[in-house]
Amino acid sequence: MSAPQLVVHRDKELMAQAAAARLITRIVDAQAARGSASVVLTGGRNGNGLLAALGSAPARDAVDWSRLDLWWGDERYLPDGDPERNVTQAREALLDRVPLDPARVHAMPASDGPYGDDVEAAAAAYAEELAAAAGPGDGGVPAFDVLMLGVGPDTHVASLFPELPAVHETERTVVGVRGAPKPPPVRISLTLPAIRAAREVWLLAAGEDKAKAAAIALSGAGELQAPAAGARGRSRTLWLLDSAAASELPRSLYPPATA
């Protein structure tokens, strides 16, 4: 796995704009190299802020949206269209305004779908969808070009919370989560093995409430106590922060990454 790199921006608005520009470049490069690109989206204020910034970016139309696969790192197990679902928020922020191929938008199952209350079956179905899109030797998930994660104040990423069973998972790529400390308590999440299949993992954190989490995760803490510490990409692990979220970091130990 790659070592973490750090980029700190003045504020969350600039962070969102710079991250959106960076993402456009990665998608365009991947499409030029392989014909298509694969990105894993994250929810929350930073993930949705990035999508909104991407929607207004001057270079937005450089992306061939019809050749982009979108996946999610986690989802709240709520009815389809619920405003708290990550896919609902992503559609409002960007997806409904760009010409995506609907077949390449891979939303996680909803609680009013065919699996009902069985979140474990819903998670298994998403794992099967990932496996169907994976290439030989990919370990059951596509080699995502970029996988984005928000970092919670408790260091959780996706719906992998400290000390809960999901963060211990080493075999499955997707799990159902029950009893999440942040509502709603029932969720679906990629696991750390699936996250680590990505070429690049980007961790987004902005605001003073994320400062301690960033400091803990980048201090060498173990992934069971700080799941964000275990989120690494195969070729690059990039922490994108604003100055408030970076305020408790020993930045001398983590020199800024180059573009």
C-alpha atoms as a PDB file:
ATOM      1  CA  MET A   1       0.000   0.000   0.000  1.00  0.00           C
ATOM      2  CA  SER A   2       1.073   3.563  -0.655  1.00  0.00           C
ATOM      3  CA  ALA A   3       2.194   5.949   2.074  1.00  0.00           C
ATOM      4  CA  PRO A   4      -0.112   8.885   2.840  1.00  0.00           C
ATOM      5  CA  GLN A   5       0.488  12.206   1.116  1.00  0.00           C
ATOM      6  CA  LEU A   6      -1.001  15.457   2.323  1.00  0.00           C
ATOM      7  CA  VAL A   7      -2.422  18.499   0.547  1.00  0.00           C
ATOM      8  CA  VAL A   8      -3.774  21.329   2.711  1.00  0.00           C
ATOM      9  CA  HIS A   9      -5.989  24.084   1.308  1.00  0.00           C
ATOM     10  CA  ARG A  10      -6.898  27.416   2.862  1.00  0.00           C
ATOM     11  CA  ASP A  11     -10.597  26.609   3.373  1.00  0.00           C
ATOM     12  CA  LYS A  12     -13.219  24.016   2.513  1.00  0.00           C
ATOM     13  CA  GLU A  13     -14.447  25.876  -0.580  1.00  0.00           C
ATOM     14  CA  LEU A  14     -10.983  25.976  -2.109  1.00  0.00           C
ATOM     15  CA  MET A  15     -10.441  22.345  -1.104  1.00  0.00           C
ATOM     16  CA  ALA A  16     -13.622  21.313  -2.934  1.00  0.00           C
ATOM     17  CA  GLN A  17     -12.698  23.256  -6.068  1.00  0.00           C
ATOM     18  CA  ALA A  18      -9.136  21.927  -6.158  1.00  0.00           C
ATOM     19  CA  ALA A  19     -10.273  18.357  -5.501  1.00  0.00           C
ATOM     20  CA  ALA A  20     -12.852  18.627  -8.293  1.00  0.00           C
ATOM     21  CA  ALA A  21     -10.192  19.826 -10.737  1.00  0.00           C
ATOM     22  CA  ARG A  22      -7.900  17.011  -9.623  1.00  0.00           C
ATOM     23  CA  LEU A  23     -10.676  14.455 -10.104  1.00  0.00           C
ATOM     24  CA  ILE A  24     -11.458  15.698 -13.617  1.00  0.00           C
ATOM     25  CA  THR A  25      -7.806  15.240 -14.536  1.00  0.00           C
ATOM     26  CA  ARG A  26      -7.708  11.693 -13.135  1.00  0.00           C
ATOM     27  CA  ILE A  27     -10.895  10.687 -14.953  1.00  0.00           C
ATOM     28  CA  VAL A  28      -9.756  12.142 -18.271  1.00  0.00           C
ATOM     29  CA  ASP A  29      -6.349  10.466 -17.948  1.00  0.00           C
ATOM     30  CA  ALA A  30      -7.944   7.100 -17.157  1.00  0.00           C
ATOM     31  CA  GLN A  31     -10.346   7.370 -20.079  1.00  0.00           C
ATOM     32  CA  ALA A  32      -7.479   8.235 -22.409  1.00  0.00           C
ATOM     33  CA  ALA A  33      -5.431   5.282 -21.166  1.00  0.00           C
ATOM     34  CA  ARG A  34      -8.110   2.591 -20.844  1.00  0.00           C
ATOM     35  CA  GLY A  35     -11.248   3.889 -22.547  1.00  0.00           C
ATOM     36  CA  SER A  36     -13.242   4.296 -19.336  1.00  0.00           C
ATOM     37  CA  ALA A  37     -12.843   5.328 -15.726  1.00  0.00           C
ATOM     38  CA  SER A  38     -14.151   4.031 -12.413  1.00  0.00           C
ATOM     39  CA  VAL A  39     -14.738   6.253  -9.369  1.00  0.00           C
ATOM     40  CA  VAL A  40     -16.115   5.529  -5.909  1.00  0.00           C
ATOM     41  CA  LEU A  41     -18.091   8.422  -4.438  1.00  0.00           C
ATOM     42  CA  THR A  42     -18.503   9.441  -0.825  1.00  0.00           C
ATOM     43  CA  GLY A  43     -21.329  11.327   0.830  1.00  0.00           C
ATOM     44  CA  GLY A  44     -21.328  13.905   3.567  1.00  0.00           C
ATOM     45  CA  ARG A  45     -20.649  17.598   3.347  1.00  0.00           C
ATOM     46  CA  ASN A  46     -17.198  17.218   1.812  1.00  0.00           C
ATOM     47  CA  GLY A  47     -18.143  14.586  -0.744  1.00  0.00           C
ATOM     48  CA  ASN A  48     -21.209  16.522  -1.849  1.00  0.00           C
ATOM     49  CA  GLY A  49     -19.257  19.772  -1.824  1.00  0.00           C
ATOM     50  CA  LEU A  50     -16.756  18.234  -4.226  1.00  0.00           C
ATOM     51  CA  LEU A  51     -19.552  17.076  -6.544  1.00  0.00           C
ATOM     52  CA  ALA A  52     -21.137  20.510  -6.543  1.00  0.00           C
ATOM     53  CA  ALA A  53     -17.766  22.090  -7.341  1.00  0.00           C
ATOM     54  CA  LEU A  54     -17.241  19.559 -10.132  1.00  0.00           C
ATOM     55  CA  GLY A  55     -20.603  20.524 -11.613  1.00  0.00           C
ATOM     56  CA  SER A  56     -19.557  24.163 -11.932  1.00  0.00           C
ATOM     57  CA  ALA A  57     -15.931  23.498 -12.944  1.00  0.00           C
ATOM     58  CA  PRO A  58     -14.949  24.975 -16.344  1.00  0.00           C
ATOM     59  CA  ALA A  59     -13.354  21.665 -17.364  1.00  0.00           C
ATOM     60  CA  ARG A  60     -16.393  19.536 -16.496  1.00  0.00           C
ATOM     61  CA  ASP A  61     -17.141  18.788 -20.138  1.00  0.00           C
ATOM     62  CA  ALA A  62     -13.664  17.324 -20.656  1.00  0.00           C
ATOM     63  CA  VAL A  63     -15.055  14.168 -19.022  1.00  0.00           C
ATOM     64  CA  ASP A  64     -16.833  11.644 -21.229  1.00  0.00           C
ATOM     65  CA  TRP A  65     -19.609  10.981 -18.738  1.00  0.00           C
ATOM     66  CA  SER A  66     -20.954   8.070 -20.771  1.00  0.00           C
ATOM     67  CA  ARG A  67     -17.707   6.152 -20.141  1.00  0.00           C
ATOM     68  CA  LEU A  68     -17.622   6.644 -16.371  1.00  0.00           C
ATOM     69  CA  ASP A  69     -18.579   3.996 -13.811  1.00  0.00           C
ATOM     70  CA  LEU A  70     -19.718   5.326 -10.450  1.00  0.00           C
ATOM     71  CA  TRP A  71     -19.799   3.270  -7.256  1.00  0.00           C
ATOM     72  CA  TRP A  72     -20.326   4.128  -3.604  1.00  0.00           C
ATOM     73  CA  GLY A  73     -18.178   3.443  -0.560  1.00  0.00           C
ATOM     74  CA  ASP A  74     -21.179   3.144   1.712  1.00  0.00           C
ATOM     75  CA  GLU A  75     -24.867   3.854   1.917  1.00  0.00           C
ATOM     76  CA  ARG A  76     -27.560   4.413   4.506  1.00  0.00           C
ATOM     77  CA  TYR A  77     -29.968   1.474   4.290  1.00  0.00           C
ATOM     78  CA  LEU A  78     -33.067   3.574   3.747  1.00  0.00           C
ATOM     79  CA  PRO A  79     -35.834   3.618   1.110  1.00  0.00           C
ATOM     80  CA  ASP A  80     -34.971   4.634  -2.435  1.00  0.00           C
ATOM     81  CA  GLY A  81     -35.097   8.413  -2.825  1.00  0.00           C
ATOM     82  CA  ASP A  82     -34.711   9.097   0.887  1.00  0.00           C
ATOM     83  CA  PRO A  83     -32.934  12.464   1.247  1.00  0.00           C
ATOM     84  CA  GLU A  84     -30.425  10.927   3.665  1.00  0.00           C
ATOM     85  CA  ARG A  85     -29.162   8.392   1.108  1.00  0.00           C
ATOM     86  CA  ASN A  86     -25.794   9.222  -0.415  1.00  0.00           C
ATOM     87  CA  VAL A  87     -27.012   8.479  -3.936  1.00  0.00           C
ATOM     88  CA  THR A  88     -29.956  10.882  -3.515  1.00  0.00           C
ATOM     89  CA  GLN A  89     -27.627  13.650  -2.400  1.00  0.00           C
ATOM     90  CA  ALA A  90     -25.167  12.899  -5.202  1.00  0.00           C
ATOM     91  CA  ARG A  91     -27.923  13.115  -7.801  1.00  0.00           C
ATOM     92  CA  GLU A  92     -28.954  16.523  -6.467  1.00  0.00           C
ATOM     93  CA  ALA A  93     -25.371  17.788  -6.308  1.00  0.00           C
ATOM     94  CA  LEU A  94     -24.268  16.629  -9.771  1.00  0.00           C
ATOM     95  CA  LEU A  95     -25.413  13.354 -11.268  1.00  0.00           C
ATOM     96  CA  ASP A  96     -28.760  14.515 -12.605  1.00  0.00           C
ATOM     97  CA  ARG A  97     -27.000  17.336 -14.502  1.00  0.00           C
ATOM     98  CA  VAL A  98     -24.477  15.294 -16.499  1.00  0.00           C
ATOM     99  CA  PRO A  99     -25.052  12.707 -19.276  1.00  0.00           C
ATOM    100  CA  LEU A 100     -24.171   9.544 -17.385  1.00  0.00           C
ATOM    101  CA  ASP A 101     -25.033   6.079 -18.662  1.00  0.00           C
ATOM    102  CA  PRO A 102     -27.632   4.878 -16.104  1.00  0.00           C
ATOM    103  CA  ALA A 103     -26.297   1.332 -16.387  1.00  0.00           C
ATOM    104  CA  ARG A 104     -22.930   2.558 -15.107  1.00  0.00           C
ATOM    105  CA  VAL A 105     -24.308   4.244 -11.981  1.00  0.00           C
ATOM    106  CA  HIS A 106     -24.026   1.487  -9.378  1.00  0.00           C
ATOM    107  CA  ALA A 107     -26.117   2.594  -6.409  1.00  0.00           C
ATOM    108  CA  MET A 108     -26.167   0.386  -3.346  1.00  0.00           C
ATOM    109  CA  PRO A 109     -29.502  -1.359  -2.629  1.00  0.00           C
ATOM    110  CA  ALA A 110     -32.278   0.456  -0.777  1.00  0.00           C
ATOM    111  CA  SER A 111     -34.293  -0.884   2.146  1.00  0.00           C
ATOM    112  CA  ASP A 112     -37.526  -0.913   0.103  1.00  0.00           C
ATOM    113  CA  GLY A 113     -35.916  -3.050  -2.592  1.00  0.00           C
ATOM    114  CA  PRO A 114     -35.953  -6.813  -3.028  1.00  0.00           C
ATOM    115  CA  TYR A 115     -33.933  -7.528   0.129  1.00  0.00           C
ATOM    116  CA  GLY A 116     -36.247  -5.818   2.598  1.00  0.00           C
ATOM    117  CA  ASP A 117     -34.789  -5.716   6.096  1.00  0.00           C
ATOM    118  CA  ASP A 118     -31.992  -8.147   5.187  1.00  0.00           C
ATOM    119  CA  VAL A 119     -29.081  -5.720   4.916  1.00  0.00           C
ATOM    120  CA  GLU A 120     -26.626  -8.623   4.779  1.00  0.00           C
ATOM    121  CA  ALA A 121     -28.301  -9.950   1.614  1.00  0.00           C
ATOM    122  CA  ALA A 122     -28.255  -6.446   0.132  1.00  0.00           C
ATOM    123  CA  ALA A 123     -24.539  -6.181   0.867  1.00  0.00           C
ATOM    124  CA  ALA A 124     -23.903  -9.577  -0.719  1.00  0.00           C
ATOM    125  CA  ALA A 125     -25.758  -8.464  -3.849  1.00  0.00           C
ATOM    126  CA  TYR A 126     -23.552  -5.378  -4.153  1.00  0.00           C
ATOM    127  CA  ALA A 127     -20.489  -7.570  -3.703  1.00  0.00           C
ATOM    128  CA  GLU A 128     -21.700  -9.691  -6.607  1.00  0.00           C
ATOM    129  CA  GLU A 129     -22.140  -6.578  -8.750  1.00  0.00           C
ATOM    130  CA  LEU A 130     -18.593  -5.500  -7.958  1.00  0.00           C
ATOM    131  CA  ALA A 131     -17.247  -8.962  -8.743  1.00  0.00           C
ATOM    132  CA  ALA A 132     -19.035  -8.982 -12.102  1.00  0.00           C
ATOM    133  CA  ALA A 133     -17.267  -5.732 -13.036  1.00  0.00           C
ATOM    134  CA  ALA A 134     -13.857  -6.856 -11.791  1.00  0.00           C
ATOM    135  CA  GLY A 135     -11.130  -8.082 -14.088  1.00  0.00           C
ATOM    136  CA  PRO A 136      -9.093 -11.266 -13.705  1.00  0.00           C
ATOM    137  CA  GLY A 137      -6.909 -11.098 -10.633  1.00  0.00           C
ATOM    138  CA  ASP A 138      -8.666  -7.995  -9.250  1.00  0.00           C
ATOM    139  CA  GLY A 139      -9.776  -9.735  -6.068  1.00  0.00           C
ATOM    140  CA  GLY A 140     -13.498  -9.390  -6.581  1.00  0.00           C
ATOM    141  CA  VAL A 141     -13.654  -5.617  -7.081  1.00  0.00           C
ATOM    142  CA  PRO A 142     -12.802  -3.353 -10.015  1.00  0.00           C
ATOM    143  CA  ALA A 143      -9.454  -1.567  -9.908  1.00  0.00           C
ATOM    144  CA  PHE A 144     -11.068   1.786  -9.118  1.00  0.00           C
ATOM    145  CA  ASP A 145      -9.183   4.763 -10.523  1.00  0.00           C
ATOM    146  CA  VAL A 146     -10.149   6.960  -7.561  1.00  0.00           C
ATOM    147  CA  LEU A 147     -11.950   5.975  -4.372  1.00  0.00           C
ATOM    148  CA  MET A 148     -13.014   8.910  -2.203  1.00  0.00           C
ATOM    149  CA  LEU A 149     -13.756   8.765   1.499  1.00  0.00           C
ATOM    150  CA  GLY A 150     -14.932  11.303   4.011  1.00  0.00           C
ATOM    151  CA  VAL A 151     -13.284  11.107   7.414  1.00  0.00           C
ATOM    152  CA  GLY A 152     -15.578  11.262  10.428  1.00  0.00           C
ATOM    153  CA  PRO A 153     -14.704  12.969  13.731  1.00  0.00           C
ATOM    154  CA  ASP A 154     -14.301   9.475  15.220  1.00  0.00           C
ATOM    155  CA  THR A 155     -11.921   8.482  12.335  1.00  0.00           C
ATOM    156  CA  HIS A 156     -14.562   6.350  10.577  1.00  0.00           C
ATOM    157  CA  VAL A 157     -14.478   6.024   6.799  1.00  0.00           C
ATOM    158  CA  ALA A 158     -17.342   4.699   4.662  1.00  0.00           C
ATOM    159  CA  SER A 159     -19.407   2.967   7.381  1.00  0.00           C
ATOM    160  CA  LEU A 160     -16.394   1.385   9.054  1.00  0.00           C
ATOM    161  CA  PHE A 161     -16.562   2.631  12.630  1.00  0.00           C
ATOM    162  CA  PRO A 162     -13.864   2.058  15.275  1.00  0.00           C
ATOM    163  CA  GLU A 163     -14.154  -1.294  17.012  1.00  0.00           C
ATOM    164  CA  LEU A 164     -17.303  -2.424  15.156  1.00  0.00           C
ATOM    165  CA  PRO A 165     -17.171  -5.842  13.430  1.00  0.00           C
ATOM    166  CA  ALA A 166     -17.036  -4.422   9.891  1.00  0.00           C
ATOM    167  CA  VAL A 167     -13.593  -2.909  10.400  1.00  0.00           C
ATOM    168  CA  HIS A 168     -12.249  -6.385  11.266  1.00  0.00           C
ATOM    169  CA  GLU A 169     -13.412  -7.900   7.959  1.00  0.00           C
ATOM    170  CA  THR A 170     -10.610  -9.393   5.866  1.00  0.00           C
ATOM    171  CA  GLU A 171     -12.456 -11.574   3.326  1.00  0.00           C
ATOM    172  CA  ARG A 172     -15.701  -9.951   2.162  1.00  0.00           C
ATOM    173  CA  THR A 173     -15.687  -6.823   0.003  1.00  0.00           C
ATOM    174  CA  VAL A 174     -19.064  -5.477   1.162  1.00  0.00           C
ATOM    175  CA  VAL A 175     -20.806  -5.903   4.518  1.00  0.00           C
ATOM    176  CA  GLY A 176     -24.017  -4.941   6.209  1.00  0.00           C
ATOM    177  CA  VAL A 177     -23.534  -2.724   9.240  1.00  0.00           C
ATOM    178  CA  ARG A 178     -25.885  -2.709  12.212  1.00  0.00           C
ATOM    179  CA  GLY A 179     -25.628  -0.523  15.278  1.00  0.00           C
ATOM    180  CA  ALA A 180     -23.657   2.298  13.662  1.00  0.00           C
ATOM    181  CA  PRO A 181     -23.080   5.035  16.266  1.00  0.00           C
ATOM    182  CA  LYS A 182     -24.041   7.677  13.698  1.00  0.00           C
ATOM    183  CA  PRO A 183     -27.675   7.462  12.542  1.00  0.00           C
ATOM    184  CA  PRO A 184     -29.121   5.715  10.740  1.00  0.00           C
ATOM    185  CA  PRO A 185     -27.776   2.598  12.457  1.00  0.00           C
ATOM    186  CA  VAL A 186     -28.194   0.216   9.500  1.00  0.00           C
ATOM    187  CA  ARG A 187     -25.877   0.686   6.535  1.00  0.00           C
ATOM    188  CA  ILE A 188     -23.966  -1.020   3.729  1.00  0.00           C
ATOM    189  CA  SER A 189     -20.211  -0.486   3.419  1.00  0.00           C
ATOM    190  CA  LEU A 190     -17.193  -1.459   1.427  1.00  0.00           C
ATOM    191  CA  THR A 191     -14.586  -3.123   3.596  1.00  0.00           C
ATOM    192  CA  LEU A 192     -10.928  -2.231   3.920  1.00  0.00           C
ATOM    193  CA  PRO A 193      -9.880  -5.006   1.462  1.00  0.00           C
ATOM    194  CA  ALA A 194     -12.194  -3.482  -1.171  1.00  0.00           C
ATOM    195  CA  ILE A 195     -10.967   0.037  -0.443  1.00  0.00           C
ATOM    196  CA  ARG A 196      -7.357  -1.069  -0.802  1.00  0.00           C
ATOM    197  CA  ALA A 197      -8.062  -2.403  -4.310  1.00  0.00           C
ATOM    198  CA  ALA A 198      -8.300   1.170  -5.614  1.00  0.00           C
ATOM    199  CA  ARG A 199      -5.440   2.692  -7.543  1.00  0.00           C
ATOM    200  CA  GLU A 200      -5.870   5.929  -5.597  1.00  0.00           C
ATOM    201  CA  VAL A 201      -7.641   6.549  -2.294  1.00  0.00           C
ATOM    202  CA  TRP A 202      -8.499  10.145  -1.427  1.00  0.00           C
ATOM    203  CA  LEU A 203      -9.531  11.053   2.117  1.00  0.00           C
ATOM    204  CA  LEU A 204     -11.428  14.326   2.492  1.00  0.00           C
ATOM    205  CA  ALA A 205     -11.618  16.281   5.727  1.00  0.00           C
ATOM    206  CA  ALA A 206     -12.566  19.895   6.372  1.00  0.00           C
ATOM    207  CA  GLY A 207     -13.417  21.752   9.546  1.00  0.00           C
ATOM    208  CA  GLU A 208     -12.133  21.901  13.103  1.00  0.00           C
ATOM    209  CA  ASP A 209     -14.254  18.892  14.071  1.00  0.00           C
ATOM    210  CA  LYS A 210     -12.066  16.714  11.813  1.00  0.00           C
ATOM    211  CA  ALA A 211      -8.693  17.930  13.146  1.00  0.00           C
ATOM    212  CA  LYS A 212      -8.291  15.361  15.898  1.00  0.00           C
ATOM    213  CA  ALA A 213      -9.393  12.520  13.622  1.00  0.00           C
ATOM    214  CA  ALA A 214      -6.849  13.480  10.968  1.00  0.00           C
ATOM    215  CA  ALA A 215      -4.102  13.728  13.581  1.00  0.00           C
ATOM    216  CA  ILE A 216      -4.930  10.322  15.040  1.00  0.00           C
ATOM    217  CA  ALA A 217      -5.205   8.570  11.680  1.00  0.00           C
ATOM    218  CA  LEU A 218      -1.916  10.025  10.444  1.00  0.00           C
ATOM    219  CA  SER A 219      -0.049   9.392  13.693  1.00  0.00           C
ATOM    220  CA  GLY A 220       0.432   5.679  13.129  1.00  0.00           C
ATOM    221  CA  ALA A 221      -2.723   4.529  14.920  1.00  0.00           C
ATOM    222  CA  GLY A 222      -4.018   1.077  14.053  1.00  0.00           C
ATOM    223  CA  GLU A 223      -6.982   0.664  11.735  1.00  0.00           C
ATOM    224  CA  LEU A 224      -9.155  -1.000  14.385  1.00  0.00           C
ATOM    225  CA  GLN A 225      -9.015   2.118  16.544  1.00  0.00           C
ATOM    226  CA  ALA A 226      -8.803   4.529  13.587  1.00  0.00           C
ATOM    227  CA  PRO A 227     -10.300   3.026  10.400  1.00  0.00           C
ATOM    228  CA  ALA A 228      -9.083   5.984   8.323  1.00  0.00           C
ATOM    229  CA  ALA A 229      -5.531   4.830   9.032  1.00  0.00           C
ATOM    230  CA  GLY A 230      -6.220   1.618   7.127  1.00  0.00           C
ATOM    231  CA  ALA A 231      -7.601   3.299   4.006  1.00  0.00           C
ATOM    232  CA  ARG A 232      -4.758   3.149   1.497  1.00  0.00           C
ATOM    233  CA  GLY A 233      -4.546   3.066  -2.283  1.00  0.00           C
ATOM    234  CA  ARG A 234      -2.322   0.759  -4.284  1.00  0.00           C
ATOM    235  CA  SER A 235      -0.450   3.586  -6.013  1.00  0.00           C
ATOM    236  CA  ARG A 236      -1.484   6.669  -4.035  1.00  0.00           C
ATOM    237  CA  THR A 237      -3.106   7.644  -0.752  1.00  0.00           C
ATOM    238  CA  LEU A 238      -3.997  11.318  -0.717  1.00  0.00           C
ATOM    239  CA  TRP A 239      -5.316  13.303   2.223  1.00  0.00           C
ATOM    240  CA  LEU A 240      -7.107  16.459   1.081  1.00  0.00           C
ATOM    241  CA  LEU A 241      -7.742  18.847   3.967  1.00  0.00           C
ATOM    242  CA  ASP A 242      -8.495  22.440   4.735  1.00  0.00           C
ATOM    243  CA  SER A 243      -6.349  24.350   7.206  1.00  0.00           C
ATOM    244  CA  ALA A 244      -8.803  23.795  10.070  1.00  0.00           C
ATOM    245  CA  ALA A 245      -8.760  19.997   9.653  1.00  0.00           C
ATOM    246  CA  ALA A 246      -4.959  20.051   9.425  1.00  0.00           C
ATOM    247  CA  SER A 247      -4.507  22.247  12.500  1.00  0.00           C
ATOM    248  CA  GLU A 248      -3.418  19.406  14.804  1.00  0.00           C
ATOM    249  CA  LEU A 249      -1.166  17.613  12.325  1.00  0.00           C
ATOM    250  CA  PRO A 250       2.625  17.466  12.683  1.00  0.00           C
ATOM    251  CA  ARG A 251       2.948  18.602   9.091  1.00  0.00           C
ATOM    252  CA  SER A 252       6.727  18.400   9.149  1.00  0.00           C
ATOM    253  CA  LEU A 253       6.288  14.630   9.079  1.00  0.00           C
ATOM    254  CA  TYR A 254       3.909  14.708   6.123  1.00  0.00           C
ATOM    255  CA  PRO A 255       5.245  16.982   3.392  1.00  0.00           C
ATOM    256  CA  PRO A 256       2.654  18.207   0.896  1.00  0.00           C
ATOM    257  CA  ALA A 257       2.070  16.004  -2.128  1.00  0.00           C
ATOM    258  CA  THR A 258       2.776  17.201  -5.625  1.00  0.00           C
ATOM    259  CA  ALA A 259      -0.038  17.331  -8.169  1.00  0.00           C
END
